[in-house]
Each structure stands twice: as structure tokens, then as C-alpha cells.
N, C-alpha and C. Protein backbone atom coordinates (compact mmCIF):
# COMPACT_ATOMS: atom_id res chain seq x y z
N MET A 1 10.69 228.30 -129.37
CA MET A 1 10.20 229.61 -128.98
C MET A 1 9.97 230.42 -130.23
N THR A 2 9.12 231.40 -130.13
CA THR A 2 8.76 232.23 -131.27
C THR A 2 9.46 233.58 -131.14
N VAL A 3 10.19 233.96 -132.18
CA VAL A 3 10.86 235.26 -132.22
C VAL A 3 10.18 236.08 -133.31
N THR A 4 9.73 237.28 -132.94
CA THR A 4 9.10 238.18 -133.90
C THR A 4 10.03 239.37 -134.11
N CYS A 5 10.43 239.56 -135.33
CA CYS A 5 11.33 240.66 -135.68
C CYS A 5 10.55 241.98 -135.70
N ASP A 6 11.26 243.08 -135.66
CA ASP A 6 10.61 244.39 -135.70
C ASP A 6 9.89 244.63 -137.02
N CYS A 7 10.31 243.92 -138.08
CA CYS A 7 9.65 244.07 -139.39
C CYS A 7 8.48 243.09 -139.53
N GLU A 8 8.06 242.48 -138.40
CA GLU A 8 6.91 241.57 -138.32
C GLU A 8 7.18 240.17 -138.86
N ALA A 9 8.42 239.84 -139.19
CA ALA A 9 8.75 238.47 -139.59
C ALA A 9 8.76 237.60 -138.33
N VAL A 10 8.28 236.37 -138.44
CA VAL A 10 8.16 235.48 -137.30
C VAL A 10 8.92 234.20 -137.62
N ARG A 11 9.65 233.68 -136.62
CA ARG A 11 10.39 232.44 -136.81
C ARG A 11 10.37 231.65 -135.51
N LEU A 12 10.19 230.34 -135.63
CA LEU A 12 10.29 229.43 -134.48
C LEU A 12 11.74 229.00 -134.34
N LEU A 13 12.31 229.20 -133.15
CA LEU A 13 13.71 228.87 -132.90
C LEU A 13 13.83 227.99 -131.67
N THR A 14 14.90 227.24 -131.60
CA THR A 14 15.22 226.49 -130.39
C THR A 14 16.18 227.33 -129.56
N TYR A 15 16.32 226.97 -128.30
CA TYR A 15 17.19 227.73 -127.41
C TYR A 15 18.63 227.61 -127.92
N GLY A 16 19.32 228.72 -127.95
CA GLY A 16 20.71 228.75 -128.40
C GLY A 16 20.87 229.00 -129.89
N GLU A 17 19.77 229.06 -130.61
CA GLU A 17 19.84 229.26 -132.06
C GLU A 17 19.90 230.75 -132.39
N ARG A 18 20.60 231.06 -133.47
CA ARG A 18 20.67 232.43 -133.96
C ARG A 18 19.90 232.51 -135.27
N TRP A 19 19.31 233.68 -135.50
CA TRP A 19 18.53 233.87 -136.71
C TRP A 19 18.79 235.24 -137.28
N THR A 20 19.00 235.29 -138.58
CA THR A 20 19.12 236.55 -139.29
C THR A 20 17.84 236.73 -140.10
N CYS A 21 17.13 237.79 -139.84
CA CYS A 21 15.87 238.06 -140.52
C CYS A 21 16.12 238.29 -142.00
N GLU A 22 15.36 237.60 -142.82
CA GLU A 22 15.52 237.74 -144.26
C GLU A 22 14.99 239.09 -144.76
N GLY A 23 14.02 239.64 -144.04
CA GLY A 23 13.40 240.89 -144.47
C GLY A 23 14.25 242.12 -144.21
N CYS A 24 14.85 242.21 -143.01
CA CYS A 24 15.56 243.45 -142.66
C CYS A 24 17.02 243.22 -142.30
N GLY A 25 17.44 241.98 -142.15
CA GLY A 25 18.84 241.68 -141.86
C GLY A 25 19.22 241.73 -140.39
N ARG A 26 18.26 241.98 -139.50
CA ARG A 26 18.59 241.98 -138.06
C ARG A 26 18.92 240.56 -137.62
N ARG A 27 19.83 240.45 -136.65
CA ARG A 27 20.21 239.13 -136.13
C ARG A 27 19.71 238.99 -134.70
N TRP A 28 19.13 237.82 -134.43
CA TRP A 28 18.55 237.53 -133.13
C TRP A 28 19.27 236.33 -132.53
N ASP A 29 19.60 236.42 -131.25
CA ASP A 29 20.32 235.35 -130.56
C ASP A 29 19.52 234.94 -129.32
N THR A 30 19.06 233.68 -129.31
CA THR A 30 18.27 233.21 -128.17
C THR A 30 19.13 232.86 -126.97
N ASN A 31 20.45 232.92 -127.11
CA ASN A 31 21.33 232.68 -125.96
C ASN A 31 21.23 233.81 -124.93
N LYS A 32 20.61 234.92 -125.29
CA LYS A 32 20.45 236.03 -124.35
C LYS A 32 19.39 235.74 -123.30
N ILE A 33 18.60 234.72 -123.50
CA ILE A 33 17.58 234.31 -122.52
C ILE A 33 18.29 233.56 -121.40
N PRO A 34 17.98 233.85 -120.14
CA PRO A 34 18.64 233.13 -119.03
C PRO A 34 18.41 231.62 -119.13
N ALA A 35 19.51 230.88 -119.17
CA ALA A 35 19.44 229.43 -119.37
C ALA A 35 18.68 228.73 -118.25
N ALA A 36 18.94 229.11 -117.01
CA ALA A 36 18.28 228.44 -115.88
C ALA A 36 16.77 228.63 -115.94
N GLU A 37 16.34 229.82 -116.30
CA GLU A 37 14.91 230.10 -116.38
C GLU A 37 14.27 229.30 -117.53
N TYR A 38 14.92 229.28 -118.69
CA TYR A 38 14.39 228.57 -119.84
C TYR A 38 14.30 227.07 -119.57
N TRP A 39 15.38 226.48 -119.06
CA TRP A 39 15.37 225.03 -118.83
C TRP A 39 14.44 224.65 -117.67
N GLY A 40 14.24 225.56 -116.73
CA GLY A 40 13.25 225.31 -115.68
C GLY A 40 11.84 225.20 -116.25
N ILE A 41 11.53 226.07 -117.20
CA ILE A 41 10.22 226.02 -117.87
C ILE A 41 10.10 224.72 -118.66
N MET A 42 11.15 224.34 -119.36
CA MET A 42 11.12 223.11 -120.15
C MET A 42 10.91 221.89 -119.25
N ARG A 43 11.57 221.86 -118.08
CA ARG A 43 11.38 220.75 -117.14
C ARG A 43 9.94 220.70 -116.64
N GLU A 44 9.39 221.87 -116.36
CA GLU A 44 8.00 221.92 -115.87
C GLU A 44 7.03 221.41 -116.93
N MET A 45 7.20 221.80 -118.18
CA MET A 45 6.32 221.34 -119.25
C MET A 45 6.50 219.83 -119.49
N ARG A 46 7.72 219.35 -119.37
CA ARG A 46 7.97 217.91 -119.50
C ARG A 46 7.28 217.14 -118.37
N ARG A 47 7.32 217.71 -117.18
CA ARG A 47 6.67 217.08 -116.03
C ARG A 47 5.16 216.97 -116.25
N TYR A 48 4.54 218.00 -116.81
CA TYR A 48 3.11 217.94 -117.13
C TYR A 48 2.82 216.78 -118.09
N ARG A 49 3.64 216.65 -119.12
CA ARG A 49 3.43 215.55 -120.08
C ARG A 49 3.63 214.20 -119.41
N LEU A 50 4.65 214.07 -118.58
CA LEU A 50 4.91 212.80 -117.91
C LEU A 50 3.81 212.42 -116.94
N VAL A 51 3.20 213.39 -116.29
CA VAL A 51 2.08 213.10 -115.40
C VAL A 51 0.92 212.51 -116.19
N ALA A 52 0.61 213.09 -117.35
CA ALA A 52 -0.48 212.57 -118.17
C ALA A 52 -0.16 211.17 -118.68
N ILE A 53 1.07 210.96 -119.13
CA ILE A 53 1.47 209.64 -119.63
C ILE A 53 1.46 208.62 -118.50
N GLY A 54 1.97 209.01 -117.33
CA GLY A 54 2.00 208.10 -116.18
C GLY A 54 0.60 207.71 -115.73
N ALA A 55 -0.30 208.69 -115.71
CA ALA A 55 -1.68 208.38 -115.32
C ALA A 55 -2.33 207.43 -116.32
N ALA A 56 -2.07 207.65 -117.61
CA ALA A 56 -2.63 206.76 -118.63
C ALA A 56 -2.06 205.35 -118.50
N LEU A 57 -0.75 205.25 -118.26
CA LEU A 57 -0.14 203.94 -118.09
C LEU A 57 -0.66 203.23 -116.84
N ALA A 58 -0.82 203.98 -115.76
CA ALA A 58 -1.33 203.38 -114.53
C ALA A 58 -2.76 202.88 -114.72
N LEU A 59 -3.57 203.68 -115.40
CA LEU A 59 -4.95 203.28 -115.67
C LEU A 59 -4.97 202.03 -116.56
N GLY A 60 -4.16 202.04 -117.61
CA GLY A 60 -4.11 200.89 -118.52
C GLY A 60 -3.59 199.64 -117.84
N ALA A 61 -2.54 199.78 -117.03
CA ALA A 61 -1.97 198.62 -116.34
C ALA A 61 -2.96 198.06 -115.32
N THR A 62 -3.63 198.93 -114.59
CA THR A 62 -4.63 198.48 -113.62
C THR A 62 -5.77 197.74 -114.33
N PHE A 63 -6.22 198.31 -115.42
CA PHE A 63 -7.31 197.70 -116.16
C PHE A 63 -6.88 196.35 -116.74
N ALA A 64 -5.68 196.28 -117.30
CA ALA A 64 -5.18 195.02 -117.87
C ALA A 64 -5.01 193.96 -116.78
N LEU A 65 -4.50 194.36 -115.63
CA LEU A 65 -4.33 193.43 -114.52
C LEU A 65 -5.68 192.90 -114.03
N LEU A 66 -6.65 193.78 -113.90
CA LEU A 66 -7.99 193.34 -113.51
C LEU A 66 -8.58 192.39 -114.55
N ALA A 67 -8.40 192.69 -115.81
CA ALA A 67 -8.92 191.82 -116.86
C ALA A 67 -8.23 190.46 -116.82
N PHE A 68 -6.96 190.44 -116.52
CA PHE A 68 -6.22 189.18 -116.45
C PHE A 68 -6.61 188.36 -115.22
N LEU A 69 -6.77 189.03 -114.07
CA LEU A 69 -7.04 188.33 -112.83
C LEU A 69 -8.53 188.03 -112.61
N VAL A 70 -9.40 188.93 -113.03
CA VAL A 70 -10.82 188.78 -112.74
C VAL A 70 -11.55 188.13 -113.93
N SER A 71 -11.59 188.84 -115.03
CA SER A 71 -12.31 188.33 -116.19
C SER A 71 -11.86 189.07 -117.44
N GLN A 72 -11.70 188.34 -118.51
CA GLN A 72 -11.29 188.97 -119.76
C GLN A 72 -12.42 189.80 -120.36
N ARG A 73 -13.62 189.63 -119.87
CA ARG A 73 -14.74 190.43 -120.34
C ARG A 73 -14.56 191.91 -120.00
N LEU A 74 -13.73 192.17 -118.99
CA LEU A 74 -13.47 193.57 -118.64
C LEU A 74 -12.78 194.32 -119.77
N LEU A 75 -12.11 193.60 -120.66
CA LEU A 75 -11.47 194.25 -121.80
C LEU A 75 -12.49 194.90 -122.73
N LEU A 76 -13.70 194.40 -122.70
CA LEU A 76 -14.75 195.01 -123.52
C LEU A 76 -15.11 196.41 -123.02
N LEU A 77 -14.80 196.70 -121.77
CA LEU A 77 -15.06 198.02 -121.21
C LEU A 77 -13.94 199.02 -121.51
N MET A 78 -12.85 198.53 -122.06
CA MET A 78 -11.71 199.39 -122.32
C MET A 78 -12.05 200.60 -123.20
N PRO A 79 -12.83 200.45 -124.28
CA PRO A 79 -13.20 201.64 -125.06
C PRO A 79 -13.96 202.68 -124.25
N ILE A 80 -14.79 202.24 -123.32
CA ILE A 80 -15.53 203.17 -122.47
C ILE A 80 -14.58 203.91 -121.53
N VAL A 81 -13.63 203.17 -120.98
CA VAL A 81 -12.64 203.78 -120.09
C VAL A 81 -11.79 204.79 -120.87
N MET A 82 -11.39 204.42 -122.08
CA MET A 82 -10.59 205.33 -122.89
C MET A 82 -11.39 206.58 -123.26
N ALA A 83 -12.66 206.41 -123.58
CA ALA A 83 -13.51 207.56 -123.89
C ALA A 83 -13.62 208.48 -122.68
N GLY A 84 -13.79 207.90 -121.50
CA GLY A 84 -13.82 208.70 -120.28
C GLY A 84 -12.53 209.45 -120.06
N TRP A 85 -11.43 208.79 -120.34
CA TRP A 85 -10.11 209.41 -120.21
C TRP A 85 -10.02 210.64 -121.10
N PHE A 86 -10.39 210.48 -122.36
CA PHE A 86 -10.26 211.59 -123.31
C PHE A 86 -11.32 212.66 -123.13
N LEU A 87 -12.48 212.31 -122.62
CA LEU A 87 -13.54 213.29 -122.47
C LEU A 87 -13.55 213.98 -121.11
N LEU A 88 -13.00 213.33 -120.09
CA LEU A 88 -13.02 213.91 -118.74
C LEU A 88 -11.66 214.42 -118.28
N TYR A 89 -10.65 213.58 -118.37
CA TYR A 89 -9.34 213.96 -117.83
C TYR A 89 -8.57 214.89 -118.75
N MET A 90 -8.47 214.55 -120.01
CA MET A 90 -7.62 215.31 -120.92
C MET A 90 -8.04 216.76 -121.11
N PRO A 91 -9.33 217.10 -121.20
CA PRO A 91 -9.67 218.52 -121.29
C PRO A 91 -9.23 219.33 -120.07
N ARG A 92 -9.37 218.74 -118.87
CA ARG A 92 -8.89 219.44 -117.67
C ARG A 92 -7.39 219.59 -117.69
N TRP A 93 -6.69 218.55 -118.14
CA TRP A 93 -5.22 218.60 -118.23
C TRP A 93 -4.79 219.67 -119.22
N ARG A 94 -5.45 219.73 -120.37
CA ARG A 94 -5.11 220.74 -121.38
C ARG A 94 -5.35 222.16 -120.87
N ARG A 95 -6.47 222.36 -120.17
CA ARG A 95 -6.74 223.68 -119.60
C ARG A 95 -5.66 224.07 -118.60
N MET A 96 -5.23 223.13 -117.77
CA MET A 96 -4.20 223.41 -116.78
C MET A 96 -2.88 223.79 -117.47
N VAL A 97 -2.51 223.04 -118.50
CA VAL A 97 -1.25 223.32 -119.21
C VAL A 97 -1.34 224.65 -119.94
N ARG A 98 -2.45 224.93 -120.59
CA ARG A 98 -2.61 226.21 -121.29
C ARG A 98 -2.57 227.38 -120.33
N ARG A 99 -3.22 227.23 -119.18
CA ARG A 99 -3.22 228.30 -118.18
C ARG A 99 -1.79 228.58 -117.72
N ARG A 100 -1.04 227.52 -117.50
CA ARG A 100 0.35 227.70 -117.07
C ARG A 100 1.19 228.31 -118.19
N ALA A 101 0.96 227.88 -119.43
CA ALA A 101 1.73 228.40 -120.56
C ALA A 101 1.46 229.90 -120.76
N ARG A 102 0.22 230.32 -120.54
CA ARG A 102 -0.09 231.75 -120.67
C ARG A 102 0.59 232.58 -119.58
N ALA A 103 0.85 231.97 -118.44
CA ALA A 103 1.47 232.69 -117.33
C ALA A 103 2.99 232.68 -117.40
N LEU A 104 3.55 232.01 -118.39
CA LEU A 104 5.01 231.94 -118.49
C LEU A 104 5.59 233.31 -118.84
N PRO A 105 6.82 233.54 -118.43
CA PRO A 105 7.43 234.83 -118.76
C PRO A 105 7.74 234.91 -120.26
N SER A 106 7.76 236.12 -120.77
CA SER A 106 8.22 236.34 -122.14
C SER A 106 9.42 237.26 -122.06
N TRP A 107 10.35 237.06 -122.94
CA TRP A 107 11.58 237.82 -122.92
C TRP A 107 11.60 238.79 -124.08
N GLN A 108 12.14 239.96 -123.85
CA GLN A 108 12.29 240.95 -124.89
C GLN A 108 13.75 240.90 -125.37
N LEU A 109 13.95 240.27 -126.52
CA LEU A 109 15.29 240.19 -127.09
C LEU A 109 15.57 241.44 -127.91
N ASP A 110 16.79 241.89 -127.87
CA ASP A 110 17.22 243.00 -128.72
C ASP A 110 18.08 242.45 -129.83
N PRO A 111 17.91 242.95 -131.05
CA PRO A 111 18.74 242.45 -132.15
C PRO A 111 20.19 242.84 -131.93
N GLU A 112 21.06 242.04 -132.51
CA GLU A 112 22.51 242.32 -132.38
C GLU A 112 22.92 243.45 -133.29
């Protein structure tokens, strides 16, 4: 997560990490963020990644199985299938994830 200090210093922190700003000396504690809400968001983002990975694995396994059972010449089509994957599916997936990330809550932390 990104923490921006009042003096405009920015630092990337993990949940539960504390940071003392080098510029002004304020201390920030990410433990003040509700744990259930934070980990719920993390699970949701992980699920998005797993859906993309699972779809890619299913597509690859199906294609490999067809190539093994039907004809090995189907492997020559694999670059076309991969190009379709990256040009058609992944941009839609990225838009969906970005849209969701923009709608996520932001927390206003107060320095200690």
C-alpha cells in the first residue's frame, strides 16, 4: 500500500508495517487499517490472478491434449492461440482489475 506523509513523502508499505518519515519525523502505522477489510481485498485480487492463470492453464491443457490426441500439427497453431489470448482476453481482464482497483476503499491514516 502507498502511504503519503503530510510533507509529501511517499512510501510503499506492507500491512502491519510502521514507517517514520525521514522528512518530518511523523510515524505511520498500517495496523490501523481494519484487518478483515484489507485481507478481503487481498483475497479478491488474488482470485482475479488465479482466474487468469486457471484460464490460461485450461486453454493450454486443452490445446496440448488435442495436439496429442488429434494431430501434432495443432501445435503449430499455438502461437496464434497465445496471440489471441494476449490480444483479446488479457486487455479485458486488465480493464476489469483496474476498474475494481479504482473502486477500492482508501483509508485516511493519522500519524502517531
